[in-house]
Amino acid sequence: MEIDFLELVNVWKSRGNSRSIVAPILEELEEISASFASLTVTHIGRSCNVPAHQCARLACSLDGTESWIDPSPEFLRSCLRTDCNLMLLDQ
């Protein structure tokens, strides 16, 4: 799992000794991840996570709940296309 919140990555890595307010959530994630072959939490730069930030920005502006089945919203398709094209350029 890649996230751009370094403090959360550090809390995850030291979760056995954590008194953080998010500790119960991390414990639940750890229980769920026990069924995975592996789970690694890695820090990435914010510029590498544009689609997630666009979704978070939209979620913060909503008064209610919104869901997408088909088609996905244009803002998300657009930033995913950009993100994928940038990944291809890096190879």
Protein backbone atom coordinates (compact mmCIF):
# COMPACT_ATOMS: atom_id res chain seq x y z
CA MET A 1 0.00 0.00 0.00
CA GLU A 2 1.42 3.37 -1.01
CA ILE A 3 0.43 6.49 0.89
CA ASP A 4 1.76 10.03 0.96
CA PHE A 5 1.35 10.55 4.70
CA LEU A 6 4.76 9.79 6.18
CA GLU A 7 3.57 10.05 9.78
CA LEU A 8 0.99 7.31 9.17
CA VAL A 9 3.67 5.10 7.57
CA ASN A 10 5.80 5.55 10.69
CA VAL A 11 2.85 4.80 13.00
CA TRP A 12 2.15 1.63 10.98
CA LYS A 13 5.75 0.50 11.28
CA SER A 14 5.72 1.02 15.06
CA ARG A 15 2.09 -0.03 15.60
CA GLY A 16 2.98 -2.50 18.34
CA ASN A 17 4.13 0.41 20.51
CA SER A 18 1.63 2.98 19.28
CA ARG A 19 -0.61 5.08 21.49
CA SER A 20 -1.89 6.97 18.48
CA ILE A 21 -5.59 7.71 18.16
CA VAL A 22 -5.56 5.65 14.94
CA ALA A 23 -4.13 2.57 16.70
CA PRO A 24 -7.50 0.73 16.81
CA ILE A 25 -7.93 1.27 13.06
CA LEU A 26 -4.42 0.00 12.39
CA GLU A 27 -5.10 -3.05 14.57
CA GLU A 28 -8.20 -3.79 12.51
CA LEU A 29 -6.23 -3.35 9.28
CA GLU A 30 -3.59 -5.71 10.62
CA GLU A 31 -6.26 -8.34 11.39
CA ILE A 32 -7.72 -8.00 7.89
CA SER A 33 -4.27 -8.12 6.29
CA ALA A 34 -3.50 -11.42 8.03
CA SER A 35 -5.33 -13.12 5.16
CA PHE A 36 -3.01 -11.43 2.59
CA ALA A 37 0.20 -13.02 1.37
CA SER A 38 1.91 -9.80 2.53
CA LEU A 39 1.25 -6.15 3.20
CA THR A 40 3.85 -3.42 2.96
CA VAL A 41 3.07 0.21 3.73
CA THR A 42 5.33 2.57 1.80
CA HIS A 43 5.64 6.35 1.66
CA ILE A 44 5.40 8.01 -1.75
CA GLY A 45 5.46 11.68 -2.68
CA ARG A 46 2.19 13.56 -2.97
CA SER A 47 2.82 14.14 -6.67
CA CYS A 48 2.59 10.37 -7.16
CA ASN A 49 -0.87 10.19 -5.67
CA VAL A 50 -2.93 12.69 -7.68
CA PRO A 51 -5.98 10.43 -8.27
CA ALA A 52 -6.35 9.80 -4.53
CA HIS A 53 -6.13 13.52 -3.79
CA GLN A 54 -8.74 14.32 -6.43
CA CYS A 55 -11.11 11.79 -4.87
CA ALA A 56 -10.43 13.17 -1.38
CA ARG A 57 -11.04 16.73 -2.60
CA LEU A 58 -14.38 15.69 -4.06
CA ALA A 59 -15.36 13.77 -0.91
CA CYS A 60 -14.63 16.85 1.24
CA SER A 61 -16.95 18.95 -0.90
CA LEU A 62 -19.94 16.56 -0.81
CA ASP A 63 -22.91 17.09 1.47
CA GLY A 64 -24.01 13.47 1.15
CA THR A 65 -22.90 10.21 -0.35
CA GLU A 66 -21.92 9.68 -3.95
CA SER A 67 -21.08 6.42 -5.67
CA TRP A 68 -20.03 5.46 -9.18
CA ILE A 69 -20.69 2.19 -10.90
CA ASP A 70 -20.44 3.06 -14.56
CA PRO A 71 -19.21 5.32 -16.00
CA SER A 72 -16.58 6.65 -13.63
CA PRO A 73 -16.41 10.45 -13.33
CA GLU A 74 -14.40 12.33 -15.94
CA PHE A 75 -12.12 14.01 -13.35
CA LEU A 76 -11.01 10.57 -12.17
CA ARG A 77 -10.53 9.12 -15.65
CA SER A 78 -8.51 12.18 -16.63
CA CYS A 79 -6.13 12.13 -13.67
CA LEU A 80 -5.70 8.34 -13.97
CA ARG A 81 -4.78 8.73 -17.66
CA THR A 82 -2.25 11.41 -16.71
CA ASP A 83 -0.89 9.28 -13.87
CA CYS A 84 -0.50 6.20 -16.11
CA ASN A 85 1.14 8.22 -18.89
CA LEU A 86 3.65 9.65 -16.43
CA MET A 87 4.46 6.13 -15.22
CA LEU A 88 5.10 5.03 -18.81
CA LEU A 89 7.46 7.98 -19.34
CA ASP A 90 9.45 7.01 -16.23
CA GLN A 91 10.16 3.50 -17.57
